[in-house]
Amino acid sequence: MKFTLSWLKEHLETTATVDEISEALTDLGLEVEGIENPADRLKAFTIGKVVSAVQHPDADRLRLCKVATNEGELQIVCGAPNAREGITVVVAKPGDYVPGIDVTLSVGKIRGVESHGMMCSERELELSDEHNGIIELPSGEVGERFVDWLAKQDASKVDPVIEIAITPNRGDALGVRGIARDLAARGLGKLKDRTVDPVPASFESELTVTIDEDTLDGCPLF
């Protein structure tokens, strides 16, 4: 069974972290088989702004850019066709690991000019297959963590996915509502109320089961 953190939170009001949820699930007998957290691979990247972009002195297709970052102004050589002054970009600095190209950056020389990092495309950050140019953000402050910006603007791209093992006796955990109920009972949050539209009766039932008034909160229907 796989579910995202945001899906779980549609049913469970909680401030618990993914790690706390994982620990609680395993303790409840819903063993966590894996967690995929896109935010983990994006933590290092920050937002920058291209202050200037001029032609590389020794390469027609390269631009020599000055980029404002949380570590001051950096010189970055870029070959993207959309690299230009004024755009807001995602910056990877020396020492950062770029997952899409499986490289840890260092200060390098490109055609004789030092480059202190790179401005990233979506494919380089494994956000999509788009690589025709670097990411241009419509907003964002210099130095802001890109993962924090994504969480506010497009949370689905940093939404953790949790996978749990379901034993044959836990059919209730084959739906995210059942998982949320279990976590709420464990004390990890509050189960959100859910409006259920009743189905009109179409015949008289011969069953004479009733539900006591004082148990309706825990057992609203039979």
C-alpha atoms as a PDB file:
ATOM      1  CA  MET A   1       0.000   0.000   0.000  1.00  0.00           C
ATOM      2  CA  LYS A   2       1.426   3.388  -1.038  1.00  0.00           C
ATOM      3  CA  PHE A   3       0.179   6.802  -0.009  1.00  0.00           C
ATOM      4  CA  THR A   4       1.522  10.346   0.044  1.00  0.00           C
ATOM      5  CA  LEU A   5       1.884  12.496   3.121  1.00  0.00           C
ATOM      6  CA  SER A   6      -0.538  15.090   1.727  1.00  0.00           C
ATOM      7  CA  TRP A   7      -3.162  12.375   1.092  1.00  0.00           C
ATOM      8  CA  LEU A   8      -2.792  11.146   4.670  1.00  0.00           C
ATOM      9  CA  LYS A   9      -3.233  14.703   5.938  1.00  0.00           C
ATOM     10  CA  GLU A  10      -6.567  14.951   4.124  1.00  0.00           C
ATOM     11  CA  HIS A  11      -7.789  12.525   6.798  1.00  0.00           C
ATOM     12  CA  LEU A  12      -5.409  13.141   9.708  1.00  0.00           C
ATOM     13  CA  GLU A  13      -4.713  16.443  11.418  1.00  0.00           C
ATOM     14  CA  THR A  14      -1.092  16.087  12.524  1.00  0.00           C
ATOM     15  CA  THR A  15       2.215  17.906  12.801  1.00  0.00           C
ATOM     16  CA  ALA A  16       4.196  14.656  12.961  1.00  0.00           C
ATOM     17  CA  THR A  17       7.239  14.282  10.722  1.00  0.00           C
ATOM     18  CA  VAL A  18       7.589  11.543   8.136  1.00  0.00           C
ATOM     19  CA  ASP A  19      10.047   9.748  10.441  1.00  0.00           C
ATOM     20  CA  GLU A  20       7.609   9.907  13.374  1.00  0.00           C
ATOM     21  CA  ILE A  21       4.797   8.591  11.194  1.00  0.00           C
ATOM     22  CA  SER A  22       7.034   5.798   9.913  1.00  0.00           C
ATOM     23  CA  GLU A  23       7.989   4.748  13.432  1.00  0.00           C
ATOM     24  CA  ALA A  24       4.357   4.770  14.579  1.00  0.00           C
ATOM     25  CA  LEU A  25       3.177   2.734  11.583  1.00  0.00           C
ATOM     26  CA  THR A  26       5.757   0.026  12.173  1.00  0.00           C
ATOM     27  CA  ASP A  27       4.867  -0.018  15.875  1.00  0.00           C
ATOM     28  CA  LEU A  28       1.211  -0.534  14.878  1.00  0.00           C
ATOM     29  CA  GLY A  29       2.100  -3.568  12.773  1.00  0.00           C
ATOM     30  CA  LEU A  30       1.965  -1.716   9.454  1.00  0.00           C
ATOM     31  CA  GLU A  31       5.609  -2.218   8.567  1.00  0.00           C
ATOM     32  CA  VAL A  32       7.085   0.589   6.475  1.00  0.00           C
ATOM     33  CA  GLU A  33       8.837  -0.935   3.479  1.00  0.00           C
ATOM     34  CA  GLY A  34      10.128   2.290   2.031  1.00  0.00           C
ATOM     35  CA  ILE A  35       9.883   6.079   1.974  1.00  0.00           C
ATOM     36  CA  GLU A  36      10.546   8.174  -1.091  1.00  0.00           C
ATOM     37  CA  ASN A  37      11.098  11.772  -0.097  1.00  0.00           C
ATOM     38  CA  PRO A  38      11.875  14.044  -3.077  1.00  0.00           C
ATOM     39  CA  ALA A  39      12.781  16.879  -0.712  1.00  0.00           C
ATOM     40  CA  ASP A  40      15.876  15.006   0.481  1.00  0.00           C
ATOM     41  CA  ARG A  41      17.662  15.389  -2.846  1.00  0.00           C
ATOM     42  CA  LEU A  42      16.738  19.079  -3.167  1.00  0.00           C
ATOM     43  CA  LYS A  43      17.782  20.399   0.254  1.00  0.00           C
ATOM     44  CA  ALA A  44      21.079  21.869  -0.893  1.00  0.00           C
ATOM     45  CA  PHE A  45      19.752  24.035  -3.709  1.00  0.00           C
ATOM     46  CA  THR A  46      18.941  27.706  -3.235  1.00  0.00           C
ATOM     47  CA  ILE A  47      17.330  30.475  -5.234  1.00  0.00           C
ATOM     48  CA  GLY A  48      19.495  33.015  -7.014  1.00  0.00           C
ATOM     49  CA  LYS A  49      19.086  35.894  -9.441  1.00  0.00           C
ATOM     50  CA  VAL A  50      21.098  36.545 -12.578  1.00  0.00           C
ATOM     51  CA  VAL A  51      22.621  39.997 -12.173  1.00  0.00           C
ATOM     52  CA  SER A  52      24.371  40.023 -15.537  1.00  0.00           C
ATOM     53  CA  ALA A  53      24.897  37.672 -18.473  1.00  0.00           C
ATOM     54  CA  VAL A  54      27.481  38.364 -21.177  1.00  0.00           C
ATOM     55  CA  GLN A  55      29.013  36.385 -23.995  1.00  0.00           C
ATOM     56  CA  HIS A  56      31.806  33.995 -23.020  1.00  0.00           C
ATOM     57  CA  PRO A  57      35.056  35.389 -24.468  1.00  0.00           C
ATOM     58  CA  ASP A  58      35.986  32.058 -26.054  1.00  0.00           C
ATOM     59  CA  ALA A  59      32.700  30.236 -26.805  1.00  0.00           C
ATOM     60  CA  ASP A  60      29.737  31.281 -28.922  1.00  0.00           C
ATOM     61  CA  ARG A  61      27.159  29.162 -27.059  1.00  0.00           C
ATOM     62  CA  LEU A  62      28.218  29.970 -23.505  1.00  0.00           C
ATOM     63  CA  ARG A  63      27.244  32.898 -21.289  1.00  0.00           C
ATOM     64  CA  LEU A  64      29.291  34.284 -18.426  1.00  0.00           C
ATOM     65  CA  CYS A  65      26.794  35.051 -15.675  1.00  0.00           C
ATOM     66  CA  LYS A  66      27.021  36.881 -12.376  1.00  0.00           C
ATOM     67  CA  VAL A  67      24.475  35.350 -10.002  1.00  0.00           C
ATOM     68  CA  ALA A  68      23.339  36.752  -6.654  1.00  0.00           C
ATOM     69  CA  THR A  69      23.192  33.944  -4.056  1.00  0.00           C
ATOM     70  CA  ASN A  70      23.104  33.491  -0.286  1.00  0.00           C
ATOM     71  CA  GLU A  71      26.924  33.306  -0.439  1.00  0.00           C
ATOM     72  CA  GLY A  72      27.317  36.526  -2.377  1.00  0.00           C
ATOM     73  CA  GLU A  73      27.747  37.038  -6.092  1.00  0.00           C
ATOM     74  CA  LEU A  74      29.053  33.984  -7.960  1.00  0.00           C
ATOM     75  CA  GLN A  75      30.442  33.681 -11.450  1.00  0.00           C
ATOM     76  CA  ILE A  76      28.758  30.829 -13.343  1.00  0.00           C
ATOM     77  CA  VAL A  77      29.373  29.778 -16.929  1.00  0.00           C
ATOM     78  CA  CYS A  78      26.111  28.579 -18.500  1.00  0.00           C
ATOM     79  CA  GLY A  79      25.203  27.108 -21.874  1.00  0.00           C
ATOM     80  CA  ALA A  80      21.419  27.277 -21.510  1.00  0.00           C
ATOM     81  CA  PRO A  81      19.718  29.294 -24.253  1.00  0.00           C
ATOM     82  CA  ASN A  82      17.528  31.139 -21.738  1.00  0.00           C
ATOM     83  CA  ALA A  83      20.354  32.274 -19.443  1.00  0.00           C
ATOM     84  CA  ARG A  84      19.959  36.033 -19.249  1.00  0.00           C
ATOM     85  CA  GLU A  85      19.994  38.992 -16.891  1.00  0.00           C
ATOM     86  CA  GLY A  86      17.097  39.406 -14.487  1.00  0.00           C
ATOM     87  CA  ILE A  87      15.742  35.865 -14.209  1.00  0.00           C
ATOM     88  CA  THR A  88      15.279  34.002 -10.913  1.00  0.00           C
ATOM     89  CA  VAL A  89      17.013  30.631 -10.966  1.00  0.00           C
ATOM     90  CA  VAL A  90      17.883  27.549  -8.927  1.00  0.00           C
ATOM     91  CA  VAL A  91      21.569  27.488  -8.000  1.00  0.00           C
ATOM     92  CA  ALA A  92      23.806  24.520  -7.225  1.00  0.00           C
ATOM     93  CA  LYS A  93      27.093  25.559  -5.651  1.00  0.00           C
ATOM     94  CA  PRO A  94      30.457  23.766  -5.367  1.00  0.00           C
ATOM     95  CA  GLY A  95      30.047  20.802  -3.020  1.00  0.00           C
ATOM     96  CA  ASP A  96      26.380  20.225  -3.959  1.00  0.00           C
ATOM     97  CA  TYR A  97      25.345  16.864  -5.406  1.00  0.00           C
ATOM     98  CA  VAL A  98      23.192  17.160  -8.544  1.00  0.00           C
ATOM     99  CA  PRO A  99      21.096  13.967  -8.813  1.00  0.00           C
ATOM    100  CA  GLY A 100      20.065  14.238 -12.459  1.00  0.00           C
ATOM    101  CA  ILE A 101      23.666  14.137 -13.676  1.00  0.00           C
ATOM    102  CA  ASP A 102      25.088  12.161 -10.723  1.00  0.00           C
ATOM    103  CA  VAL A 103      27.826  14.732 -10.081  1.00  0.00           C
ATOM    104  CA  THR A 104      29.106  16.566  -7.017  1.00  0.00           C
ATOM    105  CA  LEU A 105      30.089  20.026  -8.205  1.00  0.00           C
ATOM    106  CA  SER A 106      33.466  21.660  -7.745  1.00  0.00           C
ATOM    107  CA  VAL A 107      34.945  24.925  -8.956  1.00  0.00           C
ATOM    108  CA  GLY A 108      35.956  24.335 -12.549  1.00  0.00           C
ATOM    109  CA  LYS A 109      37.227  26.110 -15.618  1.00  0.00           C
ATOM    110  CA  ILE A 110      35.152  26.167 -18.778  1.00  0.00           C
ATOM    111  CA  ARG A 111      37.060  27.403 -21.794  1.00  0.00           C
ATOM    112  CA  GLY A 112      39.532  29.149 -19.511  1.00  0.00           C
ATOM    113  CA  VAL A 113      36.939  30.874 -17.289  1.00  0.00           C
ATOM    114  CA  GLU A 114      36.219  29.813 -13.707  1.00  0.00           C
ATOM    115  CA  SER A 115      32.679  28.650 -12.938  1.00  0.00           C
ATOM    116  CA  HIS A 116      31.477  28.451  -9.330  1.00  0.00           C
ATOM    117  CA  GLY A 117      28.501  26.135  -9.646  1.00  0.00           C
ATOM    118  CA  MET A 118      25.588  25.891 -12.050  1.00  0.00           C
ATOM    119  CA  MET A 119      22.028  27.019 -12.680  1.00  0.00           C
ATOM    120  CA  CYS A 120      19.833  23.946 -12.883  1.00  0.00           C
ATOM    121  CA  SER A 121      17.261  22.548 -15.280  1.00  0.00           C
ATOM    122  CA  GLU A 122      14.309  20.432 -14.153  1.00  0.00           C
ATOM    123  CA  ARG A 123      15.925  17.242 -15.421  1.00  0.00           C
ATOM    124  CA  GLU A 124      19.118  17.930 -13.477  1.00  0.00           C
ATOM    125  CA  LEU A 125      17.004  18.065 -10.303  1.00  0.00           C
ATOM    126  CA  GLU A 126      14.910  15.043 -11.387  1.00  0.00           C
ATOM    127  CA  LEU A 127      11.713  17.102 -11.391  1.00  0.00           C
ATOM    128  CA  SER A 128      10.873  16.260 -15.009  1.00  0.00           C
ATOM    129  CA  ASP A 129      12.565  15.443 -18.335  1.00  0.00           C
ATOM    130  CA  GLU A 130      12.700  19.119 -19.307  1.00  0.00           C
ATOM    131  CA  HIS A 131      16.272  20.168 -20.156  1.00  0.00           C
ATOM    132  CA  ASN A 132      15.975  22.703 -22.954  1.00  0.00           C
ATOM    133  CA  GLY A 133      16.860  25.471 -20.537  1.00  0.00           C
ATOM    134  CA  ILE A 134      17.435  26.330 -16.899  1.00  0.00           C
ATOM    135  CA  ILE A 135      14.517  26.729 -14.483  1.00  0.00           C
ATOM    136  CA  GLU A 136      12.999  30.215 -14.476  1.00  0.00           C
ATOM    137  CA  LEU A 137      11.050  30.856 -11.291  1.00  0.00           C
ATOM    138  CA  PRO A 138       8.156  33.346 -11.262  1.00  0.00           C
ATOM    139  CA  SER A 139       8.993  34.353  -7.683  1.00  0.00           C
ATOM    140  CA  GLY A 140      11.402  33.641  -4.843  1.00  0.00           C
ATOM    141  CA  GLU A 141      13.947  35.469  -2.722  1.00  0.00           C
ATOM    142  CA  VAL A 142      17.711  35.211  -3.167  1.00  0.00           C
ATOM    143  CA  GLY A 143      19.032  32.654  -0.693  1.00  0.00           C
ATOM    144  CA  GLU A 144      15.670  30.968  -0.100  1.00  0.00           C
ATOM    145  CA  ARG A 145      15.847  27.186  -0.133  1.00  0.00           C
ATOM    146  CA  PHE A 146      14.363  25.857  -3.363  1.00  0.00           C
ATOM    147  CA  VAL A 147      12.670  22.984  -1.512  1.00  0.00           C
ATOM    148  CA  ASP A 148      10.855  25.498   0.717  1.00  0.00           C
ATOM    149  CA  TRP A 149       9.733  27.468  -2.334  1.00  0.00           C
ATOM    150  CA  LEU A 150       8.435  24.268  -3.970  1.00  0.00           C
ATOM    151  CA  ALA A 151       6.560  23.277  -0.824  1.00  0.00           C
ATOM    152  CA  LYS A 152       4.607  26.542  -1.051  1.00  0.00           C
ATOM    153  CA  GLN A 153       4.172  26.737  -4.823  1.00  0.00           C
ATOM    154  CA  ASP A 154       3.964  23.124  -6.038  1.00  0.00           C
ATOM    155  CA  ALA A 155       3.864  20.817  -3.016  1.00  0.00           C
ATOM    156  CA  SER A 156       3.189  17.706  -5.113  1.00  0.00           C
ATOM    157  CA  LYS A 157       6.809  17.755  -6.282  1.00  0.00           C
ATOM    158  CA  VAL A 158       8.145  17.368  -2.734  1.00  0.00           C
ATOM    159  CA  ASP A 159       5.369  15.145  -1.372  1.00  0.00           C
ATOM    160  CA  PRO A 160       6.826  12.107   0.447  1.00  0.00           C
ATOM    161  CA  VAL A 161       5.493   8.680  -0.574  1.00  0.00           C
ATOM    162  CA  ILE A 162       5.222   6.023   2.145  1.00  0.00           C
ATOM    163  CA  GLU A 163       4.900   2.314   1.337  1.00  0.00           C
ATOM    164  CA  ILE A 164       3.660  -0.133   3.957  1.00  0.00           C
ATOM    165  CA  ALA A 165       3.226  -3.903   4.051  1.00  0.00           C
ATOM    166  CA  ILE A 166      -0.325  -5.146   4.664  1.00  0.00           C
ATOM    167  CA  THR A 167      -0.908  -8.476   6.385  1.00  0.00           C
ATOM    168  CA  PRO A 168      -4.078 -10.482   5.503  1.00  0.00           C
ATOM    169  CA  ASN A 169      -5.807  -9.528   8.765  1.00  0.00           C
ATOM    170  CA  ARG A 170      -5.476  -5.779   8.150  1.00  0.00           C
ATOM    171  CA  GLY A 171      -7.944  -5.103   5.383  1.00  0.00           C
ATOM    172  CA  ASP A 172      -8.824  -1.850   7.160  1.00  0.00           C
ATOM    173  CA  ALA A 173      -5.374  -0.534   6.224  1.00  0.00           C
ATOM    174  CA  LEU A 174      -5.927  -0.969   2.490  1.00  0.00           C
ATOM    175  CA  GLY A 175      -7.364   2.542   2.483  1.00  0.00           C
ATOM    176  CA  VAL A 176      -5.696   5.731   3.656  1.00  0.00           C
ATOM    177  CA  ARG A 177      -8.683   6.485   5.919  1.00  0.00           C
ATOM    178  CA  GLY A 178      -8.018   3.322   7.900  1.00  0.00           C
ATOM    179  CA  ILE A 179      -4.333   4.200   8.227  1.00  0.00           C
ATOM    180  CA  ALA A 180      -5.239   7.683   9.451  1.00  0.00           C
ATOM    181  CA  ARG A 181      -7.654   6.201  12.003  1.00  0.00           C
ATOM    182  CA  ASP A 182      -4.948   3.900  13.347  1.00  0.00           C
ATOM    183  CA  LEU A 183      -2.449   6.749  13.679  1.00  0.00           C
ATOM    184  CA  ALA A 184      -5.028   8.914  15.451  1.00  0.00           C
ATOM    185  CA  ALA A 185      -5.703   6.079  17.908  1.00  0.00           C
ATOM    186  CA  ARG A 186      -1.934   5.861  18.439  1.00  0.00           C
ATOM    187  CA  GLY A 187      -1.958   9.540  19.487  1.00  0.00           C
ATOM    188  CA  LEU A 188      -0.245  10.913  16.406  1.00  0.00           C
ATOM    189  CA  GLY A 189      -2.988  13.362  15.510  1.00  0.00           C
ATOM    190  CA  LYS A 190      -6.743  13.779  15.212  1.00  0.00           C
ATOM    191  CA  LEU A 191      -8.908  12.009  12.655  1.00  0.00           C
ATOM    192  CA  LYS A 192     -10.701  14.619  10.563  1.00  0.00           C
ATOM    193  CA  ASP A 193     -14.469  14.506  10.364  1.00  0.00           C
ATOM    194  CA  ARG A 194     -15.802  13.217   7.092  1.00  0.00           C
ATOM    195  CA  THR A 195     -19.205  13.991   5.639  1.00  0.00           C
ATOM    196  CA  VAL A 196     -20.944  10.879   4.349  1.00  0.00           C
ATOM    197  CA  ASP A 197     -24.081  11.176   2.235  1.00  0.00           C
ATOM    198  CA  PRO A 198     -26.548   8.508   3.367  1.00  0.00           C
ATOM    199  CA  VAL A 199     -27.927   6.121   0.782  1.00  0.00           C
ATOM    200  CA  PRO A 200     -31.742   6.201   0.804  1.00  0.00           C
ATOM    201  CA  ALA A 201     -33.365   2.941   1.833  1.00  0.00           C
ATOM    202  CA  SER A 202     -35.217   1.133  -0.939  1.00  0.00           C
ATOM    203  CA  PHE A 203     -36.747  -1.705   1.091  1.00  0.00           C
ATOM    204  CA  GLU A 204     -37.601  -2.690   4.631  1.00  0.00           C
ATOM    205  CA  SER A 205     -34.850  -4.672   6.363  1.00  0.00           C
ATOM    206  CA  GLU A 206     -35.727  -7.699   8.437  1.00  0.00           C
ATOM    207  CA  LEU A 207     -32.680  -7.115  10.660  1.00  0.00           C
ATOM    208  CA  THR A 208     -33.406  -5.635  14.056  1.00  0.00           C
ATOM    209  CA  VAL A 209     -29.902  -4.386  14.911  1.00  0.00           C
ATOM    210  CA  THR A 210     -29.754  -1.038  16.721  1.00  0.00           C
ATOM    211  CA  ILE A 211     -26.873   1.170  17.856  1.00  0.00           C
ATOM    212  CA  ASP A 212     -26.927   2.631  21.368  1.00  0.00           C
ATOM    213  CA  GLU A 213     -26.856   6.423  21.445  1.00  0.00           C
ATOM    214  CA  ASP A 214     -23.748   6.530  23.651  1.00  0.00           C
ATOM    215  CA  THR A 215     -21.711   4.542  21.094  1.00  0.00           C
ATOM    216  CA  LEU A 216     -22.544   6.556  17.971  1.00  0.00           C
ATOM    217  CA  ASP A 217     -19.207   8.418  18.000  1.00  0.00           C
ATOM    218  CA  GLY A 218     -17.240   5.192  17.778  1.00  0.00           C
ATOM    219  CA  CYS A 219     -19.702   3.168  15.698  1.00  0.00           C
ATOM    220  CA  PRO A 220     -21.916   5.442  13.589  1.00  0.00           C
ATOM    221  CA  LEU A 221     -23.408   2.637  11.511  1.00  0.00           C
ATOM    222  CA  PHE A 222     -23.863  -1.109  11.299  1.00  0.00           C
END
